[in-house]
Amino acid sequence: MFYSFLVMNFRSKFLLVMNLILPIIFMLMFGAVFGKQSGAYKIAYYSDRDINIESVNWVKIDKPSDVESIRTLKFDIVILAEKGKIDVYYLSSIAQPDRDVLLFRTKYSSAQNQSSVIEIKEHNLKLERQLSDLEYIMIGVIAVSLLSVGLNAGVSIFSKYVRYGLFKRFMVTNVKPMHLLFSSVGAQLITGIISSFIILVLSRLVFGVNLFVKIYDIPLYIAVVFASVMINLSIGVLLSLFFKKAAESISSLIYTIFIFFSGVYFPISIIPKSLRIVSYLTPPRYVHMMFQKLYGVNSMDDVLFFILIVSFSFLGLLLGSYAIRKFLKPIA
């Protein structure tokens, strides 16, 4: 049964377009608008020796007056070199800067034929990653792809398939409601993982944006994907229960509203103030924030992050279970 639901997501031309092809089109379209910006972190440096690093990610600056001045700089790493001493300030949670520090040390130690011993001191000022425009957009593409996966699954199963007599056929098989529920949910989770993985790969290959999580964060990434699919599935279920045959048309309208008002593609600041409250009612907004948190951005605190994962997952399972029990009634 799980396999049947999973295959349906790829055999149905509508679901294939909405879940996979359309997010890829959005990724390419918005990526082209913002240009092929590098997803690499930005480094500012000051040196009392005459050195120059030819890279778009390195910026030469005047010496900051104090630590607070360093905090205000819009860079991930700040390197200050003076009198044979190098201070490295980390303003971001982006990892693995060793190669860049080594590059700077080599250039600094060899500048003006001075090869004295260099002392390096590292300082962690704050662990907060700053997303580039492209990274923000790519995360938005993933959030919208998961919106499509969950929303269309809820509408298809509980509106279109109901009209086609799917549940009437299941009634004579003695299938258990929970088996049916978890088969459907599992298929949508796998579809969501595949969709998001394709976006991660293409964003890396086409635009150089690296949004792959570390190995130990994969379970948390899957949890966010699951919660995202579930909250969107619950919306699809509600549309099916209230609007029945019109659910597919209403879901297309909801999908469009969520894209424009969630702020995952367009800044909320361009929306009239009287309509900005709509943003707080759109699941993609919170899905995007959860992904930001996963990537090291301080978009919410840890408690809210886990509350959203649990509540989104529970709501999807609750409404999905209710709808299945409603339509899968035993034959008298």
C-alpha atoms as a PDB file:
ATOM      1  CA  MET A   1       0.000   0.000   0.000  1.00  0.00           C
ATOM      2  CA  PHE A   2       2.897   2.317   0.809  1.00  0.00           C
ATOM      3  CA  TYR A   3       4.400   1.544  -2.573  1.00  0.00           C
ATOM      4  CA  SER A   4       1.095   2.325  -4.325  1.00  0.00           C
ATOM      5  CA  PHE A   5       0.849   5.788  -2.745  1.00  0.00           C
ATOM      6  CA  LEU A   6       4.514   6.488  -3.503  1.00  0.00           C
ATOM      7  CA  VAL A   7       4.257   5.418  -7.137  1.00  0.00           C
ATOM      8  CA  MET A   8       1.100   7.501  -7.570  1.00  0.00           C
ATOM      9  CA  ASN A   9       3.059  10.641  -6.654  1.00  0.00           C
ATOM     10  CA  PHE A  10       5.352  10.049  -9.627  1.00  0.00           C
ATOM     11  CA  ARG A  11       2.882   8.555 -12.093  1.00  0.00           C
ATOM     12  CA  SER A  12       0.376  11.364 -11.750  1.00  0.00           C
ATOM     13  CA  LYS A  13       1.448  14.113 -14.146  1.00  0.00           C
ATOM     14  CA  PHE A  14      -0.162  16.771 -11.953  1.00  0.00           C
ATOM     15  CA  LEU A  15       1.596  15.637  -8.768  1.00  0.00           C
ATOM     16  CA  LEU A  16       4.898  15.176 -10.600  1.00  0.00           C
ATOM     17  CA  VAL A  17       4.747  18.727 -11.930  1.00  0.00           C
ATOM     18  CA  MET A  18       3.663  20.287  -8.634  1.00  0.00           C
ATOM     19  CA  ASN A  19       5.969  18.296  -6.354  1.00  0.00           C
ATOM     20  CA  LEU A  20       9.145  18.134  -8.441  1.00  0.00           C
ATOM     21  CA  ILE A  21       9.153  20.050 -11.700  1.00  0.00           C
ATOM     22  CA  LEU A  22       7.585  23.321 -10.530  1.00  0.00           C
ATOM     23  CA  PRO A  23       9.970  23.732  -7.536  1.00  0.00           C
ATOM     24  CA  ILE A  24      12.896  23.193  -9.918  1.00  0.00           C
ATOM     25  CA  ILE A  25      11.506  25.885 -12.236  1.00  0.00           C
ATOM     26  CA  PHE A  26      11.164  28.260  -9.260  1.00  0.00           C
ATOM     27  CA  MET A  27      14.735  27.481  -8.211  1.00  0.00           C
ATOM     28  CA  LEU A  28      16.139  28.211 -11.671  1.00  0.00           C
ATOM     29  CA  MET A  29      13.983  31.296 -12.169  1.00  0.00           C
ATOM     30  CA  PHE A  30      14.728  32.987  -8.850  1.00  0.00           C
ATOM     31  CA  GLY A  31      18.331  31.804  -8.938  1.00  0.00           C
ATOM     32  CA  ALA A  32      18.773  33.481 -12.315  1.00  0.00           C
ATOM     33  CA  VAL A  33      17.259  36.719 -10.970  1.00  0.00           C
ATOM     34  CA  PHE A  34      19.666  36.833  -8.040  1.00  0.00           C
ATOM     35  CA  GLY A  35      22.605  35.681 -10.136  1.00  0.00           C
ATOM     36  CA  LYS A  36      25.140  32.999  -9.466  1.00  0.00           C
ATOM     37  CA  GLN A  37      26.167  34.292  -6.092  1.00  0.00           C
ATOM     38  CA  SER A  38      28.468  32.149  -4.088  1.00  0.00           C
ATOM     39  CA  GLY A  39      27.073  30.538  -0.973  1.00  0.00           C
ATOM     40  CA  ALA A  40      30.503  30.739   0.659  1.00  0.00           C
ATOM     41  CA  TYR A  41      31.031  32.756   3.795  1.00  0.00           C
ATOM     42  CA  LYS A  42      32.461  36.285   3.733  1.00  0.00           C
ATOM     43  CA  ILE A  43      35.786  37.208   5.334  1.00  0.00           C
ATOM     44  CA  ALA A  44      37.000  40.681   6.307  1.00  0.00           C
ATOM     45  CA  TYR A  45      40.673  41.230   7.066  1.00  0.00           C
ATOM     46  CA  TYR A  46      43.035  43.938   8.294  1.00  0.00           C
ATOM     47  CA  SER A  47      46.821  43.715   8.068  1.00  0.00           C
ATOM     48  CA  ASP A  48      49.643  46.021   9.047  1.00  0.00           C
ATOM     49  CA  ARG A  49      51.667  44.389   6.263  1.00  0.00           C
ATOM     50  CA  ASP A  50      51.093  44.900   2.572  1.00  0.00           C
ATOM     51  CA  ILE A  51      49.071  41.861   1.489  1.00  0.00           C
ATOM     52  CA  ASN A  52      46.229  41.435  -0.935  1.00  0.00           C
ATOM     53  CA  ILE A  53      43.890  38.447  -1.385  1.00  0.00           C
ATOM     54  CA  GLU A  54      42.169  38.253  -4.763  1.00  0.00           C
ATOM     55  CA  SER A  55      38.781  36.732  -3.967  1.00  0.00           C
ATOM     56  CA  VAL A  56      35.195  38.000  -3.984  1.00  0.00           C
ATOM     57  CA  ASN A  57      34.723  36.516  -0.513  1.00  0.00           C
ATOM     58  CA  TRP A  58      37.630  38.451   1.018  1.00  0.00           C
ATOM     59  CA  VAL A  59      37.305  42.173   1.800  1.00  0.00           C
ATOM     60  CA  LYS A  60      40.099  44.405   3.095  1.00  0.00           C
ATOM     61  CA  ILE A  61      38.951  46.764   5.877  1.00  0.00           C
ATOM     62  CA  ASP A  62      40.287  49.416   8.218  1.00  0.00           C
ATOM     63  CA  LYS A  63      41.190  48.266  11.690  1.00  0.00           C
ATOM     64  CA  PRO A  64      38.074  48.123  13.943  1.00  0.00           C
ATOM     65  CA  SER A  65      38.356  50.091  17.160  1.00  0.00           C
ATOM     66  CA  ASP A  66      37.030  47.399  19.504  1.00  0.00           C
ATOM     67  CA  VAL A  67      35.158  44.099  19.742  1.00  0.00           C
ATOM     68  CA  GLU A  68      31.753  45.770  19.524  1.00  0.00           C
ATOM     69  CA  SER A  69      32.771  47.323  16.223  1.00  0.00           C
ATOM     70  CA  ILE A  70      33.698  43.860  14.979  1.00  0.00           C
ATOM     71  CA  ARG A  71      30.280  42.527  16.000  1.00  0.00           C
ATOM     72  CA  THR A  72      28.551  45.072  13.766  1.00  0.00           C
ATOM     73  CA  LEU A  73      30.439  43.979  10.649  1.00  0.00           C
ATOM     74  CA  LYS A  74      28.367  41.979   8.151  1.00  0.00           C
ATOM     75  CA  PHE A  75      30.925  39.214   7.755  1.00  0.00           C
ATOM     76  CA  ASP A  76      31.217  35.622   8.911  1.00  0.00           C
ATOM     77  CA  ILE A  77      34.902  35.860   9.855  1.00  0.00           C
ATOM     78  CA  VAL A  78      37.043  38.887  10.715  1.00  0.00           C
ATOM     79  CA  ILE A  79      40.845  38.509  10.715  1.00  0.00           C
ATOM     80  CA  LEU A  80      43.060  41.187  12.253  1.00  0.00           C
ATOM     81  CA  ALA A  81      46.831  40.942  11.844  1.00  0.00           C
ATOM     82  CA  GLU A  82      49.213  43.324  13.600  1.00  0.00           C
ATOM     83  CA  LYS A  83      52.751  43.093  14.992  1.00  0.00           C
ATOM     84  CA  GLY A  84      53.102  39.410  14.190  1.00  0.00           C
ATOM     85  CA  LYS A  85      49.842  38.472  15.879  1.00  0.00           C
ATOM     86  CA  ILE A  86      46.695  37.277  14.109  1.00  0.00           C
ATOM     87  CA  ASP A  87      43.295  37.455  15.800  1.00  0.00           C
ATOM     88  CA  VAL A  88      40.497  35.473  14.143  1.00  0.00           C
ATOM     89  CA  TYR A  89      36.946  36.447  15.116  1.00  0.00           C
ATOM     90  CA  TYR A  90      34.111  34.080  14.232  1.00  0.00           C
ATOM     91  CA  LEU A  91      30.787  35.847  13.823  1.00  0.00           C
ATOM     92  CA  SER A  92      29.020  32.902  12.245  1.00  0.00           C
ATOM     93  CA  SER A  93      28.428  29.230  12.878  1.00  0.00           C
ATOM     94  CA  ILE A  94      29.775  28.298   9.442  1.00  0.00           C
ATOM     95  CA  ALA A  95      32.436  25.654   9.977  1.00  0.00           C
ATOM     96  CA  GLN A  96      35.774  24.615   8.480  1.00  0.00           C
ATOM     97  CA  PRO A  97      37.588  27.988   8.033  1.00  0.00           C
ATOM     98  CA  ASP A  98      41.019  26.420   8.641  1.00  0.00           C
ATOM     99  CA  ARG A  99      42.084  26.612   5.011  1.00  0.00           C
ATOM    100  CA  ASP A 100      41.293  30.336   4.829  1.00  0.00           C
ATOM    101  CA  VAL A 101      43.133  31.121   8.060  1.00  0.00           C
ATOM    102  CA  LEU A 102      46.130  29.162   6.778  1.00  0.00           C
ATOM    103  CA  LEU A 103      46.014  31.102   3.500  1.00  0.00           C
ATOM    104  CA  PHE A 104      46.010  34.415   5.347  1.00  0.00           C
ATOM    105  CA  ARG A 105      48.799  33.315   7.705  1.00  0.00           C
ATOM    106  CA  THR A 106      50.987  32.265   4.754  1.00  0.00           C
ATOM    107  CA  LYS A 107      50.511  35.584   2.978  1.00  0.00           C
ATOM    108  CA  TYR A 108      51.013  37.589   6.155  1.00  0.00           C
ATOM    109  CA  SER A 109      54.172  35.748   7.226  1.00  0.00           C
ATOM    110  CA  SER A 110      55.749  36.080   3.772  1.00  0.00           C
ATOM    111  CA  ALA A 111      54.810  39.746   3.240  1.00  0.00           C
ATOM    112  CA  GLN A 112      57.787  42.089   2.982  1.00  0.00           C
ATOM    113  CA  ASN A 113      60.092  39.084   3.378  1.00  0.00           C
ATOM    114  CA  GLN A 114      59.174  38.810   7.027  1.00  0.00           C
ATOM    115  CA  SER A 115      59.022  35.205   8.154  1.00  0.00           C
ATOM    116  CA  SER A 116      58.774  35.618  11.922  1.00  0.00           C
ATOM    117  CA  VAL A 117      56.711  33.262  14.051  1.00  0.00           C
ATOM    118  CA  ILE A 118      53.027  34.126  13.828  1.00  0.00           C
ATOM    119  CA  GLU A 119      50.727  33.814  16.835  1.00  0.00           C
ATOM    120  CA  ILE A 120      47.086  33.023  16.051  1.00  0.00           C
ATOM    121  CA  LYS A 121      44.279  33.551  18.563  1.00  0.00           C
ATOM    122  CA  GLU A 122      40.683  32.560  17.832  1.00  0.00           C
ATOM    123  CA  HIS A 123      37.609  34.302  19.263  1.00  0.00           C
ATOM    124  CA  ASN A 124      33.978  33.154  19.026  1.00  0.00           C
ATOM    125  CA  LEU A 125      31.820  36.263  19.210  1.00  0.00           C
ATOM    126  CA  LYS A 126      28.506  34.708  18.281  1.00  0.00           C
ATOM    127  CA  LEU A 127      27.201  31.590  16.594  1.00  0.00           C
ATOM    128  CA  GLU A 128      24.705  32.965  14.127  1.00  0.00           C
ATOM    129  CA  ARG A 129      24.832  32.296  10.434  1.00  0.00           C
ATOM    130  CA  GLN A 130      23.798  34.965   7.946  1.00  0.00           C
ATOM    131  CA  LEU A 131      22.047  33.587   4.876  1.00  0.00           C
ATOM    132  CA  SER A 132      22.874  34.948   1.454  1.00  0.00           C
ATOM    133  CA  ASP A 133      20.012  35.925  -0.834  1.00  0.00           C
ATOM    134  CA  LEU A 134      20.437  32.745  -2.832  1.00  0.00           C
ATOM    135  CA  GLU A 135      20.493  30.548   0.259  1.00  0.00           C
ATOM    136  CA  TYR A 136      17.312  32.226   1.494  1.00  0.00           C
ATOM    137  CA  ILE A 137      15.618  31.603  -1.865  1.00  0.00           C
ATOM    138  CA  MET A 138      16.739  27.970  -2.078  1.00  0.00           C
ATOM    139  CA  ILE A 139      15.356  27.249   1.387  1.00  0.00           C
ATOM    140  CA  GLY A 140      12.142  28.919   0.240  1.00  0.00           C
ATOM    141  CA  VAL A 141      12.014  26.585  -2.766  1.00  0.00           C
ATOM    142  CA  ILE A 142      12.278  23.589  -0.430  1.00  0.00           C
ATOM    143  CA  ALA A 143       9.530  24.987   1.826  1.00  0.00           C
ATOM    144  CA  VAL A 144       7.197  25.476  -1.142  1.00  0.00           C
ATOM    145  CA  SER A 145       7.965  22.022  -2.551  1.00  0.00           C
ATOM    146  CA  LEU A 146       6.966  20.499   0.799  1.00  0.00           C
ATOM    147  CA  LEU A 147       3.832  22.667   0.765  1.00  0.00           C
ATOM    148  CA  SER A 148       2.932  21.124  -2.574  1.00  0.00           C
ATOM    149  CA  VAL A 149       3.687  17.560  -1.447  1.00  0.00           C
ATOM    150  CA  GLY A 150       1.526  17.741   1.686  1.00  0.00           C
ATOM    151  CA  LEU A 151      -1.291  19.920   0.374  1.00  0.00           C
ATOM    152  CA  ASN A 152      -1.815  17.946  -2.840  1.00  0.00           C
ATOM    153  CA  ALA A 153      -1.609  14.634  -0.997  1.00  0.00           C
ATOM    154  CA  GLY A 154      -4.362  15.674   1.405  1.00  0.00           C
ATOM    155  CA  VAL A 155      -6.604  16.884  -1.401  1.00  0.00           C
ATOM    156  CA  SER A 156      -5.906  13.929  -3.701  1.00  0.00           C
ATOM    157  CA  ILE A 157      -6.496  11.217  -1.115  1.00  0.00           C
ATOM    158  CA  PHE A 158      -9.516  12.688   0.640  1.00  0.00           C
ATOM    159  CA  SER A 159     -11.225  14.488  -2.234  1.00  0.00           C
ATOM    160  CA  LYS A 160     -10.332  13.086  -5.634  1.00  0.00           C
ATOM    161  CA  TYR A 161      -9.719   9.492  -4.545  1.00  0.00           C
ATOM    162  CA  VAL A 162     -12.906   9.506  -2.476  1.00  0.00           C
ATOM    163  CA  ARG A 163     -14.875  10.420  -5.608  1.00  0.00           C
ATOM    164  CA  TYR A 164     -13.125   7.630  -7.516  1.00  0.00           C
ATOM    165  CA  GLY A 165     -14.252   5.115  -4.900  1.00  0.00           C
ATOM    166  CA  LEU A 166     -10.838   4.380  -3.409  1.00  0.00           C
ATOM    167  CA  PHE A 167     -12.125   3.946   0.132  1.00  0.00           C
ATOM    168  CA  LYS A 168     -15.050   1.782  -1.012  1.00  0.00           C
ATOM    169  CA  ARG A 169     -12.516  -0.620  -2.458  1.00  0.00           C
ATOM    170  CA  PHE A 170     -10.475  -0.564   0.723  1.00  0.00           C
ATOM    171  CA  MET A 171     -13.584  -1.446   2.755  1.00  0.00           C
ATOM    172  CA  VAL A 172     -13.707  -4.967   1.322  1.00  0.00           C
ATOM    173  CA  THR A 173     -10.024  -5.612   2.059  1.00  0.00           C
ATOM    174  CA  ASN A 174     -10.315  -5.244   5.847  1.00  0.00           C
ATOM    175  CA  VAL A 175      -7.431  -2.775   5.782  1.00  0.00           C
ATOM    176  CA  LYS A 176      -6.840  -1.074   9.105  1.00  0.00           C
ATOM    177  CA  PRO A 177      -7.193   2.736   9.202  1.00  0.00           C
ATOM    178  CA  MET A 178      -3.794   3.239  10.841  1.00  0.00           C
ATOM    179  CA  HIS A 179      -2.095   1.037   8.251  1.00  0.00           C
ATOM    180  CA  LEU A 180      -3.640   3.144   5.517  1.00  0.00           C
ATOM    181  CA  LEU A 181      -2.669   6.361   7.297  1.00  0.00           C
ATOM    182  CA  PHE A 182       0.978   5.469   7.841  1.00  0.00           C
ATOM    183  CA  SER A 183       1.316   4.080   4.330  1.00  0.00           C
ATOM    184  CA  SER A 184       0.112   7.388   2.921  1.00  0.00           C
ATOM    185  CA  VAL A 185       2.176   9.479   5.345  1.00  0.00           C
ATOM    186  CA  GLY A 186       5.290   7.416   4.656  1.00  0.00           C
ATOM    187  CA  ALA A 187       4.878   7.882   0.913  1.00  0.00           C
ATOM    188  CA  GLN A 188       4.554  11.655   1.310  1.00  0.00           C
ATOM    189  CA  LEU A 189       7.609  11.769   3.590  1.00  0.00           C
ATOM    190  CA  ILE A 190       9.736   9.931   1.031  1.00  0.00           C
ATOM    191  CA  THR A 191       8.413  12.197  -1.727  1.00  0.00           C
ATOM    192  CA  GLY A 192       9.267  15.254   0.376  1.00  0.00           C
ATOM    193  CA  ILE A 193      12.792  13.980   1.041  1.00  0.00           C
ATOM    194  CA  ILE A 194      13.340  13.245  -2.659  1.00  0.00           C
ATOM    195  CA  SER A 195      11.995  16.657  -3.680  1.00  0.00           C
ATOM    196  CA  SER A 196      14.147  18.543  -1.164  1.00  0.00           C
ATOM    197  CA  PHE A 197      17.231  16.465  -2.022  1.00  0.00           C
ATOM    198  CA  ILE A 198      16.871  17.299  -5.719  1.00  0.00           C
ATOM    199  CA  ILE A 199      16.717  21.007  -4.833  1.00  0.00           C
ATOM    200  CA  LEU A 200      19.818  20.669  -2.637  1.00  0.00           C
ATOM    201  CA  VAL A 201      21.771  18.946  -5.391  1.00  0.00           C
ATOM    202  CA  LEU A 202      20.728  21.334  -8.167  1.00  0.00           C
ATOM    203  CA  SER A 203      21.287  24.444  -6.059  1.00  0.00           C
ATOM    204  CA  ARG A 204      24.808  23.183  -5.367  1.00  0.00           C
ATOM    205  CA  LEU A 205      25.554  22.273  -8.986  1.00  0.00           C
ATOM    206  CA  VAL A 206      23.914  25.262 -10.689  1.00  0.00           C
ATOM    207  CA  PHE A 207      24.424  28.122  -8.219  1.00  0.00           C
ATOM    208  CA  GLY A 208      27.167  26.900  -5.888  1.00  0.00           C
ATOM    209  CA  VAL A 209      24.906  27.112  -2.838  1.00  0.00           C
ATOM    210  CA  ASN A 210      25.781  24.409  -0.309  1.00  0.00           C
ATOM    211  CA  LEU A 211      22.802  23.630   1.932  1.00  0.00           C
ATOM    212  CA  PHE A 212      23.691  20.036   2.747  1.00  0.00           C
ATOM    213  CA  VAL A 213      23.467  19.425   6.477  1.00  0.00           C
ATOM    214  CA  LYS A 214      26.094  17.641   8.512  1.00  0.00           C
ATOM    215  CA  ILE A 215      25.621  13.893   8.983  1.00  0.00           C
ATOM    216  CA  TYR A 216      24.568  14.222  12.608  1.00  0.00           C
ATOM    217  CA  ASP A 217      21.873  16.754  11.617  1.00  0.00           C
ATOM    218  CA  ILE A 218      20.211  14.447   9.067  1.00  0.00           C
ATOM    219  CA  PRO A 219      17.654  13.019  11.574  1.00  0.00           C
ATOM    220  CA  LEU A 220      16.661  16.562  12.525  1.00  0.00           C
ATOM    221  CA  TYR A 221      16.421  17.514   8.852  1.00  0.00           C
ATOM    222  CA  ILE A 222      14.086  14.557   8.231  1.00  0.00           C
ATOM    223  CA  ALA A 223      12.018  15.597  11.262  1.00  0.00           C
ATOM    224  CA  VAL A 224      11.580  19.089   9.798  1.00  0.00           C
ATOM    225  CA  VAL A 225      10.599  17.619   6.418  1.00  0.00           C
ATOM    226  CA  PHE A 226       8.090  15.311   8.122  1.00  0.00           C
ATOM    227  CA  ALA A 227       6.563  18.125  10.181  1.00  0.00           C
ATOM    228  CA  SER A 228       6.366  20.308   7.065  1.00  0.00           C
ATOM    229  CA  VAL A 229       4.569  17.648   5.052  1.00  0.00           C
ATOM    230  CA  MET A 230       2.192  16.942   7.946  1.00  0.00           C
ATOM    231  CA  ILE A 231       1.057  20.530   8.517  1.00  0.00           C
ATOM    232  CA  ASN A 232       0.425  20.957   4.803  1.00  0.00           C
ATOM    233  CA  LEU A 233      -1.315  17.581   4.643  1.00  0.00           C
ATOM    234  CA  SER A 234      -3.641  18.722   7.421  1.00  0.00           C
ATOM    235  CA  ILE A 235      -4.628  21.769   5.339  1.00  0.00           C
ATOM    236  CA  GLY A 236      -5.381  19.506   2.388  1.00  0.00           C
ATOM    237  CA  VAL A 237      -7.505  17.289   4.620  1.00  0.00           C
ATOM    238  CA  LEU A 238      -9.506  20.267   5.902  1.00  0.00           C
ATOM    239  CA  LEU A 239     -10.098  21.517   2.362  1.00  0.00           C
ATOM    240  CA  SER A 240     -11.320  18.052   1.347  1.00  0.00           C
ATOM    241  CA  LEU A 241     -13.668  17.774   4.302  1.00  0.00           C
ATOM    242  CA  PHE A 242     -15.200  21.236   3.889  1.00  0.00           C
ATOM    243  CA  PHE A 243     -15.147  21.806   0.126  1.00  0.00           C
ATOM    244  CA  LYS A 244     -15.242  18.236  -1.223  1.00  0.00           C
ATOM    245  CA  LYS A 245     -15.334  18.488  -5.053  1.00  0.00           C
ATOM    246  CA  ALA A 246     -14.104  22.099  -5.010  1.00  0.00           C
ATOM    247  CA  ALA A 247     -11.101  21.209  -2.840  1.00  0.00           C
ATOM    248  CA  GLU A 248      -8.696  20.981  -5.794  1.00  0.00           C
ATOM    249  CA  SER A 249      -9.586  24.473  -7.033  1.00  0.00           C
ATOM    250  CA  ILE A 250      -9.425  25.936  -3.525  1.00  0.00           C
ATOM    251  CA  SER A 251      -6.064  24.293  -2.891  1.00  0.00           C
ATOM    252  CA  SER A 252      -4.605  25.985  -5.992  1.00  0.00           C
ATOM    253  CA  LEU A 253      -5.774  29.337  -4.635  1.00  0.00           C
ATOM    254  CA  ILE A 254      -4.349  28.574  -1.177  1.00  0.00           C
ATOM    255  CA  TYR A 255      -1.057  27.516  -2.763  1.00  0.00           C
ATOM    256  CA  THR A 256      -0.757  30.838  -4.606  1.00  0.00           C
ATOM    257  CA  ILE A 257      -1.651  32.878  -1.506  1.00  0.00           C
ATOM    258  CA  PHE A 258       0.921  31.036   0.598  1.00  0.00           C
ATOM    259  CA  ILE A 259       3.673  31.661  -1.954  1.00  0.00           C
ATOM    260  CA  PHE A 260       3.084  35.417  -2.081  1.00  0.00           C
ATOM    261  CA  PHE A 261       2.303  36.056   1.595  1.00  0.00           C
ATOM    262  CA  SER A 262       4.661  33.669   3.415  1.00  0.00           C
ATOM    263  CA  GLY A 263       7.789  35.701   2.652  1.00  0.00           C
ATOM    264  CA  VAL A 264       9.792  32.725   1.399  1.00  0.00           C
ATOM    265  CA  TYR A 265      10.297  34.332  -2.019  1.00  0.00           C
ATOM    266  CA  PHE A 266       9.270  37.952  -1.577  1.00  0.00           C
ATOM    267  CA  PRO A 267      10.100  40.132   1.458  1.00  0.00           C
ATOM    268  CA  ILE A 268       7.102  40.784   3.667  1.00  0.00           C
ATOM    269  CA  SER A 269       8.002  44.482   3.630  1.00  0.00           C
ATOM    270  CA  ILE A 270       6.569  44.844   0.118  1.00  0.00           C
ATOM    271  CA  ILE A 271       3.161  43.631   1.313  1.00  0.00           C
ATOM    272  CA  PRO A 272       0.689  46.321   2.494  1.00  0.00           C
ATOM    273  CA  LYS A 273       0.719  46.565   6.285  1.00  0.00           C
ATOM    274  CA  SER A 274      -2.971  45.704   6.482  1.00  0.00           C
ATOM    275  CA  LEU A 275      -2.274  42.338   4.799  1.00  0.00           C
ATOM    276  CA  ARG A 276       0.948  41.359   6.553  1.00  0.00           C
ATOM    277  CA  ILE A 277      -0.987  39.498   9.228  1.00  0.00           C
ATOM    278  CA  VAL A 278      -1.747  36.878   6.562  1.00  0.00           C
ATOM    279  CA  SER A 279       1.936  35.936   6.648  1.00  0.00           C
ATOM    280  CA  TYR A 280       1.579  34.664  10.212  1.00  0.00           C
ATOM    281  CA  LEU A 281      -1.122  32.239   9.051  1.00  0.00           C
ATOM    282  CA  THR A 282       0.963  30.593   6.328  1.00  0.00           C
ATOM    283  CA  PRO A 283       2.771  27.331   7.186  1.00  0.00           C
ATOM    284  CA  PRO A 284       5.632  27.944   4.685  1.00  0.00           C
ATOM    285  CA  ARG A 285       6.687  30.929   6.789  1.00  0.00           C
ATOM    286  CA  TYR A 286       7.290  28.690   9.805  1.00  0.00           C
ATOM    287  CA  VAL A 287       8.737  25.872   7.707  1.00  0.00           C
ATOM    288  CA  HIS A 288      11.241  28.348   6.293  1.00  0.00           C
ATOM    289  CA  MET A 289      12.098  29.524   9.803  1.00  0.00           C
ATOM    290  CA  MET A 290      12.611  25.928  10.962  1.00  0.00           C
ATOM    291  CA  PHE A 291      15.012  25.292   8.103  1.00  0.00           C
ATOM    292  CA  GLN A 292      16.839  28.518   8.924  1.00  0.00           C
ATOM    293  CA  LYS A 293      17.206  27.304  12.506  1.00  0.00           C
ATOM    294  CA  LEU A 294      18.539  23.997  11.219  1.00  0.00           C
ATOM    295  CA  TYR A 295      21.166  25.872   9.188  1.00  0.00           C
ATOM    296  CA  GLY A 296      22.352  27.886  12.175  1.00  0.00           C
ATOM    297  CA  VAL A 297      20.283  31.047  11.801  1.00  0.00           C
ATOM    298  CA  ASN A 298      18.766  32.428  14.996  1.00  0.00           C
ATOM    299  CA  SER A 299      15.239  32.503  13.546  1.00  0.00           C
ATOM    300  CA  MET A 300      13.596  31.074  16.689  1.00  0.00           C
ATOM    301  CA  ASP A 301      14.600  29.602  20.022  1.00  0.00           C
ATOM    302  CA  ASP A 302      15.109  25.875  20.535  1.00  0.00           C
ATOM    303  CA  VAL A 303      11.869  25.402  22.474  1.00  0.00           C
ATOM    304  CA  LEU A 304       9.700  26.902  19.737  1.00  0.00           C
ATOM    305  CA  PHE A 305      11.594  24.896  17.116  1.00  0.00           C
ATOM    306  CA  PHE A 306      10.732  21.567  18.735  1.00  0.00           C
ATOM    307  CA  ILE A 307       7.201  22.679  19.626  1.00  0.00           C
ATOM    308  CA  LEU A 308       6.527  23.400  15.949  1.00  0.00           C
ATOM    309  CA  ILE A 309       7.935  20.029  14.864  1.00  0.00           C
ATOM    310  CA  VAL A 310       5.799  18.126  17.366  1.00  0.00           C
ATOM    311  CA  SER A 311       2.604  20.167  16.902  1.00  0.00           C
ATOM    312  CA  PHE A 312       2.790  20.151  13.081  1.00  0.00           C
ATOM    313  CA  SER A 313       3.381  16.394  13.056  1.00  0.00           C
ATOM    314  CA  PHE A 314       0.622  15.693  15.562  1.00  0.00           C
ATOM    315  CA  LEU A 315      -1.915  17.877  13.765  1.00  0.00           C
ATOM    316  CA  GLY A 316      -1.284  16.156  10.446  1.00  0.00           C
ATOM    317  CA  LEU A 317      -1.589  12.695  11.973  1.00  0.00           C
ATOM    318  CA  LEU A 318      -4.715  13.664  13.931  1.00  0.00           C
ATOM    319  CA  LEU A 319      -6.607  15.106  10.974  1.00  0.00           C
ATOM    320  CA  GLY A 320      -5.390  12.372   8.641  1.00  0.00           C
ATOM    321  CA  SER A 321      -6.561   9.698  11.066  1.00  0.00           C
ATOM    322  CA  TYR A 322      -9.947  11.391  11.467  1.00  0.00           C
ATOM    323  CA  ALA A 323     -10.492  11.656   7.712  1.00  0.00           C
ATOM    324  CA  ILE A 324      -9.533   8.038   7.078  1.00  0.00           C
ATOM    325  CA  ARG A 325     -11.868   6.779   9.799  1.00  0.00           C
ATOM    326  CA  LYS A 326     -14.627   8.971   8.370  1.00  0.00           C
ATOM    327  CA  PHE A 327     -14.353   7.546   4.860  1.00  0.00           C
ATOM    328  CA  LEU A 328     -13.227   4.004   5.737  1.00  0.00           C
ATOM    329  CA  LYS A 329     -16.382   2.805   7.428  1.00  0.00           C
ATOM    330  CA  PRO A 330     -16.976  -0.914   7.744  1.00  0.00           C
ATOM    331  CA  ILE A 331     -19.667  -2.411   5.524  1.00  0.00           C
ATOM    332  CA  ALA A 332     -22.754  -3.337   7.481  1.00  0.00           C
END
